[in-house]
Amino acid sequence: MNLSDFLKGKGTAGWAVTTGALVLFVGMTNIASAKAKCPDVPDPVVSLEFGSRYKADSKTRSDIDAESDAEVTSVLKSIDRFIQGLTRQIGKAQAEDDQKKQLIMSSCVLNAIHAWAKADALSDMRTANAKLAVPSRIGGIAIAYAETRSMVPGMEAEKQAIETWLLARAKATMDFFDNDATKGASRNNLRAWASLGVGQIGILSKQTELVDWSIDSNRTMVTGSAADGSIPLEMRRKKYALHYQLHALTPLVTSIAMICDAGYGNGQADLERLKIIAGFSLNGVRNPKIVEAIAGEAQTVEPGLKANTESLAWLEPYASLTGEKDVNAALLEIRPLLNSKLGGDVTRIYGNRHIDCETRTIR
């Protein structure tokens, strides 16, 4: 049995790996009596059809319909569980000192993603709201794959299938946002999440068309901010304004850092303007009344960095881009920062790094 055959695993889902008294070949290393069991993975979700979380007459998309909100969350739950499972497994693999165990754990991640790719998951989005919600999940899967791809030798057929599937999903995302998304959705947090996923897939596939789309999207988000650093479309969300400001900044900052790290430069994104957006957001978290004064309602976000770590994972890539001393000091108090759609342990990925935005990749 060769390594590729072993990593394909056994079982009806195509991703579970169970071995006993097997020999793995990693370079010239002979690994005997290896045994591992991949964690359960949700069945691939191919089709989605659901409406909005918000009341039909909510022009600012700030009045949640409780029943619809619960339905949307339920429908997306299995996809989110899938991504969370991937990032947990990646975290365990990268924390594992035993390279044999690390290899097996990482192969579980690739096999899980391949199962979804083979099923052409997330390919049949039947409503506009499904098309808006899925790009952030595709991005989360793409980032998980990017973290794992180089950790497992071989499996070339599976990797090719995954990348072909991701590329199709990225192109569908671009087509929707360029042609069918509403004017608001094409410029708010949803576009930022789409940009993150498309950019990561562009980097993986070396498709500059995708990277350029992401760069243009990021530039639009940054230049569309107000002079004080608020994002006008998110400030319309009344009591959820600060929540959505942070929700937009999460993929925006990460996307800019990721593209810079890959050598494509910042695409003329105004990093000084980004600092203003980040400063406004952090001040708003410390004192939500700053945002209340703009949005006209008390904010749902509780004051204080420690109370909002789930919304502040973007601080790690931000600090790696800017090196701001006060941000680095604040990070010491709230690490580790986690977000499954950004790869899981964001502190592990970006913490204490310096990312420059010099263009190094030949186009």
Protein backbone atom coordinates (compact mmCIF):
# COMPACT_ATOMS: atom_id res chain seq x y z
CA MET A 1 0.00 0.00 0.00
CA ASN A 2 1.45 3.39 -0.93
CA LEU A 3 0.93 6.63 0.98
CA SER A 4 -1.66 8.00 -1.44
CA ASP A 5 -3.76 4.82 -1.19
CA PHE A 6 -3.60 4.90 2.60
CA LEU A 7 -4.60 8.55 2.83
CA LYS A 8 -7.68 7.92 0.72
CA GLY A 9 -8.96 6.00 3.72
CA LYS A 10 -11.89 3.67 4.05
CA GLY A 11 -15.61 3.99 4.60
CA THR A 12 -18.69 5.00 2.68
CA ALA A 13 -18.08 8.72 3.10
CA GLY A 14 -14.61 8.47 1.60
CA TRP A 15 -12.82 10.39 4.37
CA ALA A 16 -12.69 8.20 7.47
CA VAL A 17 -9.26 6.64 8.02
CA THR A 18 -8.79 3.61 10.25
CA THR A 19 -5.52 1.69 10.24
CA GLY A 20 -3.90 -1.05 12.24
CA ALA A 21 -0.41 -2.49 11.87
CA LEU A 22 0.03 -0.53 8.65
CA VAL A 23 3.18 0.90 7.20
CA LEU A 24 3.20 4.51 5.98
CA PHE A 25 5.87 5.84 3.72
CA VAL A 26 6.94 9.42 4.44
CA GLY A 27 10.15 9.97 2.54
CA MET A 28 12.38 7.16 3.81
CA THR A 29 10.65 6.91 7.20
CA ASN A 30 9.00 3.61 8.07
CA ILE A 31 6.03 4.09 10.39
CA ALA A 32 4.68 0.88 11.82
CA SER A 33 1.51 0.08 13.72
CA ALA A 34 -0.14 3.43 13.06
CA LYS A 35 -3.75 3.77 14.10
CA ALA A 36 -6.06 6.72 13.68
CA LYS A 37 -9.73 7.51 13.29
CA CYS A 38 -10.87 10.68 11.61
CA PRO A 39 -13.64 12.62 13.33
CA ASP A 40 -17.14 12.45 11.93
CA VAL A 41 -17.93 14.96 9.20
CA PRO A 42 -21.40 16.25 8.22
CA ASP A 43 -22.77 15.01 4.92
CA PRO A 44 -22.05 17.39 2.03
CA VAL A 45 -24.64 20.13 1.56
CA VAL A 46 -25.31 20.60 -2.15
CA SER A 47 -28.48 22.72 -2.30
CA LEU A 48 -29.68 25.61 -0.17
CA GLU A 49 -32.88 27.59 -0.31
CA PHE A 50 -33.92 30.06 2.38
CA GLY A 51 -35.13 33.60 2.86
CA SER A 52 -33.89 36.52 4.88
CA ARG A 53 -33.19 36.72 8.61
CA TYR A 54 -34.90 40.09 8.61
CA LYS A 55 -38.48 41.27 8.47
CA ALA A 56 -39.74 41.96 4.96
CA ASP A 57 -40.31 45.66 5.66
CA SER A 58 -36.88 46.23 7.28
CA LYS A 59 -35.18 48.51 4.76
CA THR A 60 -32.06 48.80 6.93
CA ARG A 61 -31.90 45.03 7.58
CA SER A 62 -31.86 45.69 11.30
CA ASP A 63 -35.22 44.19 12.34
CA ILE A 64 -34.75 40.46 12.78
CA ASP A 65 -37.60 38.05 12.19
CA ALA A 66 -37.05 35.52 14.98
CA GLU A 67 -38.62 32.60 13.13
CA SER A 68 -36.74 33.25 9.88
CA ASP A 69 -33.50 33.85 11.78
CA ALA A 70 -33.79 30.48 13.50
CA GLU A 71 -34.54 28.77 10.18
CA VAL A 72 -31.48 30.27 8.47
CA THR A 73 -29.21 29.37 11.38
CA SER A 74 -30.53 25.81 11.34
CA VAL A 75 -29.99 25.42 7.59
CA LEU A 76 -26.40 26.71 7.79
CA LYS A 77 -25.54 24.77 10.94
CA SER A 78 -24.17 21.66 9.23
CA ILE A 79 -21.89 23.76 7.00
CA ASP A 80 -20.58 25.68 9.99
CA ARG A 81 -20.06 22.43 11.90
CA PHE A 82 -18.06 21.12 8.95
CA ILE A 83 -15.76 24.16 8.92
CA GLN A 84 -15.38 24.12 12.71
CA GLY A 85 -14.44 20.46 12.56
CA LEU A 86 -11.81 21.15 9.91
CA THR A 87 -10.16 23.90 11.93
CA ARG A 88 -10.21 21.86 15.14
CA GLN A 89 -8.46 19.03 13.33
CA ILE A 90 -5.93 21.44 11.82
CA GLY A 91 -5.22 22.87 15.26
CA LYS A 92 -4.63 19.41 16.69
CA ALA A 93 -2.38 18.45 13.77
CA GLN A 94 -0.25 21.57 13.99
CA ALA A 95 0.10 21.19 17.75
CA GLU A 96 1.20 17.57 17.36
CA ASP A 97 4.95 16.95 17.69
CA ASP A 98 4.76 13.42 16.30
CA GLN A 99 5.03 13.88 12.52
CA LYS A 100 3.36 10.54 11.84
CA LYS A 101 0.28 11.52 13.81
CA GLN A 102 0.36 15.00 12.29
CA LEU A 103 0.30 13.49 8.82
CA ILE A 104 -2.69 11.29 9.60
CA MET A 105 -4.62 14.16 11.18
CA SER A 106 -3.90 16.43 8.22
CA SER A 107 -4.98 13.71 5.79
CA CYS A 108 -8.32 13.61 7.59
CA VAL A 109 -8.82 17.28 6.73
CA LEU A 110 -8.01 16.78 3.06
CA ASN A 111 -10.23 13.71 2.81
CA ALA A 112 -13.12 15.59 4.42
CA ILE A 113 -12.82 18.51 2.00
CA HIS A 114 -12.45 16.10 -0.90
CA ALA A 115 -15.71 14.39 0.07
CA TRP A 116 -17.51 17.74 -0.22
CA ALA A 117 -15.71 18.58 -3.46
CA LYS A 118 -16.59 15.19 -4.96
CA ALA A 119 -20.25 15.80 -4.10
CA ASP A 120 -20.06 19.28 -5.69
CA ALA A 121 -21.21 20.75 -2.40
CA LEU A 122 -22.69 24.26 -2.25
CA SER A 123 -23.21 24.30 -6.01
CA ASP A 124 -27.00 24.69 -6.07
CA MET A 125 -27.85 27.97 -4.35
CA ARG A 126 -31.52 28.55 -5.10
CA THR A 127 -32.14 31.94 -3.49
CA ALA A 128 -30.29 35.23 -3.33
CA ASN A 129 -29.95 34.89 0.44
CA ALA A 130 -28.28 31.51 0.04
CA LYS A 131 -25.87 33.04 -2.48
CA LEU A 132 -25.08 35.80 0.02
CA ALA A 133 -24.52 33.47 2.97
CA VAL A 134 -22.39 30.80 1.32
CA PRO A 135 -19.26 32.75 0.21
CA SER A 136 -17.99 33.17 3.78
CA ARG A 137 -18.32 29.41 4.25
CA ILE A 138 -16.53 28.66 0.99
CA GLY A 139 -13.79 31.00 2.15
CA GLY A 140 -13.52 29.15 5.44
CA ILE A 141 -13.12 25.83 3.61
CA ALA A 142 -10.55 27.34 1.22
CA ILE A 143 -8.47 28.70 4.08
CA ALA A 144 -8.59 25.33 5.86
CA TYR A 145 -7.43 23.65 2.66
CA ALA A 146 -4.65 26.20 2.18
CA GLU A 147 -3.39 25.48 5.69
CA THR A 148 -3.34 21.73 5.06
CA ARG A 149 -2.35 21.26 1.41
CA SER A 150 1.41 21.35 1.92
CA MET A 151 1.28 19.21 5.07
CA VAL A 152 0.26 16.05 3.19
CA PRO A 153 2.45 14.70 0.38
CA GLY A 154 0.81 13.03 -2.57
CA MET A 155 -2.98 12.93 -2.89
CA GLU A 156 -2.62 14.89 -6.13
CA ALA A 157 -5.91 13.69 -7.61
CA GLU A 158 -7.80 14.70 -4.47
CA LYS A 159 -6.07 18.08 -4.34
CA GLN A 160 -6.88 18.74 -7.98
CA ALA A 161 -10.53 17.84 -7.41
CA ILE A 162 -10.70 20.17 -4.42
CA GLU A 163 -9.11 23.07 -6.29
CA THR A 164 -11.34 22.58 -9.32
CA TRP A 165 -14.39 22.63 -7.05
CA LEU A 166 -13.22 25.71 -5.14
CA LEU A 167 -12.49 27.54 -8.38
CA ALA A 168 -16.02 26.88 -9.62
CA ARG A 169 -17.45 28.17 -6.36
CA ALA A 170 -15.28 31.31 -6.54
CA LYS A 171 -16.37 32.09 -10.09
CA ALA A 172 -20.03 31.62 -9.13
CA THR A 173 -19.48 34.04 -6.25
CA MET A 174 -17.91 36.66 -8.50
CA ASP A 175 -20.69 36.34 -11.06
CA PHE A 176 -23.39 36.79 -8.43
CA PHE A 177 -21.84 39.83 -6.77
CA ASP A 178 -20.98 41.47 -10.08
CA ASN A 179 -24.36 40.92 -11.72
CA ASP A 180 -27.15 40.00 -9.33
CA ALA A 181 -26.39 41.16 -5.78
CA THR A 182 -28.19 44.24 -4.53
CA LYS A 183 -26.28 47.51 -4.46
CA GLY A 184 -25.95 47.31 -0.68
CA ALA A 185 -24.79 43.70 -0.57
CA SER A 186 -22.22 44.38 -3.27
CA ARG A 187 -20.50 46.94 -1.02
CA ASN A 188 -21.03 45.79 2.58
CA ASN A 189 -19.72 43.03 4.87
CA LEU A 190 -21.08 40.36 2.54
CA ARG A 191 -18.81 41.59 -0.27
CA ALA A 192 -15.87 41.60 2.15
CA TRP A 193 -16.48 37.94 3.05
CA ALA A 194 -16.83 37.07 -0.64
CA SER A 195 -13.56 38.87 -1.31
CA LEU A 196 -11.72 36.86 1.32
CA GLY A 197 -12.83 33.53 -0.13
CA VAL A 198 -12.25 34.47 -3.76
CA GLY A 199 -8.82 35.89 -2.93
CA GLN A 200 -7.74 32.75 -1.09
CA ILE A 201 -8.89 30.56 -3.97
CA GLY A 202 -7.10 32.84 -6.43
CA ILE A 203 -3.88 32.47 -4.46
CA LEU A 204 -4.26 28.70 -4.29
CA SER A 205 -4.97 28.36 -8.01
CA LYS A 206 -2.63 31.19 -9.09
CA GLN A 207 -5.55 32.79 -10.89
CA THR A 208 -4.73 36.51 -10.90
CA GLU A 209 -8.24 37.33 -12.13
CA LEU A 210 -9.59 36.16 -8.78
CA VAL A 211 -6.90 37.93 -6.77
CA ASP A 212 -7.56 41.15 -8.67
CA TRP A 213 -11.30 40.85 -7.95
CA SER A 214 -10.50 40.51 -4.28
CA ILE A 215 -8.10 43.47 -4.38
CA ASP A 216 -10.74 45.63 -6.10
CA SER A 217 -13.35 44.56 -3.55
CA ASN A 218 -11.06 45.45 -0.66
CA ARG A 219 -10.28 48.83 -2.19
CA THR A 220 -13.99 49.54 -2.59
CA MET A 221 -14.62 48.68 1.06
CA VAL A 222 -11.77 50.86 2.34
CA THR A 223 -12.51 53.89 0.16
CA GLY A 224 -16.21 53.60 0.96
CA SER A 225 -15.61 54.28 4.66
CA ALA A 226 -16.49 57.62 6.21
CA ALA A 227 -13.86 60.11 7.34
CA ASP A 228 -14.23 58.96 10.95
CA GLY A 229 -13.62 55.30 9.99
CA SER A 230 -17.21 54.10 10.17
CA ILE A 231 -18.65 52.07 7.30
CA PRO A 232 -21.85 53.90 6.27
CA LEU A 233 -23.76 50.84 5.08
CA GLU A 234 -23.13 49.11 8.41
CA MET A 235 -24.00 52.22 10.44
CA ARG A 236 -27.52 51.96 8.96
CA ARG A 237 -28.03 48.73 10.90
CA LYS A 238 -29.20 50.63 13.99
CA LYS A 239 -28.50 48.61 17.16
CA TYR A 240 -26.45 46.11 15.15
CA ALA A 241 -24.23 48.80 13.57
CA LEU A 242 -21.09 48.06 15.58
CA HIS A 243 -21.65 44.32 15.28
CA TYR A 244 -21.68 44.59 11.49
CA GLN A 245 -18.78 47.07 11.41
CA LEU A 246 -16.67 44.41 13.15
CA HIS A 247 -18.18 41.69 10.96
CA ALA A 248 -17.03 43.60 7.85
CA LEU A 249 -13.58 44.37 9.22
CA THR A 250 -12.89 40.70 9.98
CA PRO A 251 -12.64 39.52 6.34
CA LEU A 252 -11.44 42.88 5.02
CA VAL A 253 -8.29 43.05 7.14
CA THR A 254 -7.61 39.33 6.78
CA SER A 255 -7.97 39.50 3.00
CA ILE A 256 -5.56 42.43 2.68
CA ALA A 257 -3.00 40.69 4.91
CA MET A 258 -3.39 37.38 3.07
CA ILE A 259 -2.91 38.96 -0.36
CA CYS A 260 0.10 40.97 0.83
CA ASP A 261 1.58 37.84 2.40
CA ALA A 262 1.22 36.01 -0.92
CA GLY A 263 3.27 38.73 -2.62
CA TYR A 264 0.53 40.46 -4.61
CA GLY A 265 0.90 43.78 -2.79
CA ASN A 266 -1.93 45.82 -1.34
CA GLY A 267 -3.49 46.68 -4.68
CA GLN A 268 -3.29 50.35 -3.75
CA ALA A 269 -5.53 49.76 -0.74
CA ASP A 270 -5.08 52.76 1.53
CA LEU A 271 -3.52 51.27 4.65
CA GLU A 272 -3.67 54.63 6.41
CA ARG A 273 -7.40 54.70 5.78
CA LEU A 274 -7.61 51.13 7.06
CA LYS A 275 -5.95 52.29 10.29
CA ILE A 276 -8.70 54.89 10.69
CA ILE A 277 -11.38 52.22 10.22
CA ALA A 278 -9.66 49.96 12.73
CA GLY A 279 -9.22 52.79 15.24
CA PHE A 280 -12.89 53.73 15.02
CA SER A 281 -13.88 50.11 15.51
CA LEU A 282 -11.66 49.57 18.55
CA ASN A 283 -12.81 52.81 20.13
CA GLY A 284 -16.37 51.72 19.48
CA VAL A 285 -15.80 48.39 21.21
CA ARG A 286 -14.31 50.18 24.21
CA ASN A 287 -17.16 52.69 24.20
CA PRO A 288 -20.17 51.64 22.08
CA LYS A 289 -21.80 55.03 22.67
CA ILE A 290 -19.49 56.36 19.94
CA VAL A 291 -21.38 54.20 17.44
CA GLU A 292 -24.70 54.81 19.15
CA ALA A 293 -24.30 58.50 18.35
CA ILE A 294 -24.14 57.65 14.64
CA ALA A 295 -26.60 54.74 14.47
CA GLY A 296 -29.20 56.34 16.74
CA GLU A 297 -29.66 53.31 18.99
CA ALA A 298 -27.84 51.62 21.87
CA GLN A 299 -25.58 48.88 20.51
CA THR A 300 -25.85 45.14 21.11
CA VAL A 301 -22.06 44.92 21.52
CA GLU A 302 -20.97 44.89 25.14
CA PRO A 303 -18.13 47.33 25.95
CA GLY A 304 -14.58 46.05 26.31
CA LEU A 305 -12.15 44.00 24.23
CA LYS A 306 -12.33 40.92 26.45
CA ALA A 307 -16.11 40.78 26.01
CA ASN A 308 -15.76 40.66 22.22
CA THR A 309 -12.89 38.36 21.36
CA GLU A 310 -15.01 36.44 18.83
CA SER A 311 -15.39 39.66 16.82
CA LEU A 312 -11.77 40.76 17.12
CA ALA A 313 -9.82 37.97 15.42
CA TRP A 314 -8.97 40.50 12.69
CA LEU A 315 -6.62 42.22 15.14
CA GLU A 316 -3.99 39.52 14.52
CA PRO A 317 -3.62 40.10 10.76
CA TYR A 318 -4.03 43.83 11.40
CA ALA A 319 -1.11 43.87 13.83
CA SER A 320 1.00 41.86 11.38
CA LEU A 321 0.31 44.51 8.72
CA THR A 322 0.76 47.65 10.80
CA GLY A 323 2.90 46.70 13.79
CA GLU A 324 0.96 49.17 15.95
CA LYS A 325 2.35 48.99 19.48
CA ASP A 326 -0.93 49.70 21.26
CA VAL A 327 -2.68 46.94 19.29
CA ASN A 328 0.11 44.47 20.07
CA ALA A 329 -0.18 45.40 23.74
CA ALA A 330 -3.95 44.88 23.68
CA LEU A 331 -3.51 41.49 22.00
CA LEU A 332 -1.49 40.22 24.94
CA GLU A 333 -4.62 40.52 27.09
CA ILE A 334 -7.06 38.73 24.77
CA ARG A 335 -5.12 35.97 23.00
CA PRO A 336 -5.68 33.44 21.61
CA LEU A 337 -8.13 34.78 19.05
CA LEU A 338 -10.20 32.18 17.22
CA ASN A 339 -12.43 32.25 14.16
CA SER A 340 -13.22 29.10 12.18
CA LYS A 341 -13.81 31.04 8.96
CA LEU A 342 -10.31 32.53 9.23
CA GLY A 343 -8.57 29.20 9.74
CA GLY A 344 -9.31 28.53 13.40
CA ASP A 345 -6.53 29.75 15.67
CA VAL A 346 -5.86 33.14 14.09
CA THR A 347 -3.17 33.90 16.67
CA ARG A 348 -1.22 30.87 15.47
CA ILE A 349 -1.51 32.00 11.85
CA TYR A 350 -0.73 35.70 12.20
CA GLY A 351 0.50 36.33 15.75
CA ASN A 352 3.85 38.09 16.17
CA ARG A 353 4.46 38.23 12.43
CA HIS A 354 5.32 41.10 10.13
CA ILE A 355 3.67 41.14 6.72
CA ASP A 356 4.88 43.67 4.18
CA CYS A 357 2.88 44.67 1.15
CA GLU A 358 5.65 44.79 -1.40
CA THR A 359 4.68 43.13 -4.67
CA ARG A 360 6.76 39.99 -5.16
CA THR A 361 4.52 37.73 -7.23
CA ILE A 362 5.03 37.94 -10.98
CA ARG A 363 1.74 38.53 -12.76
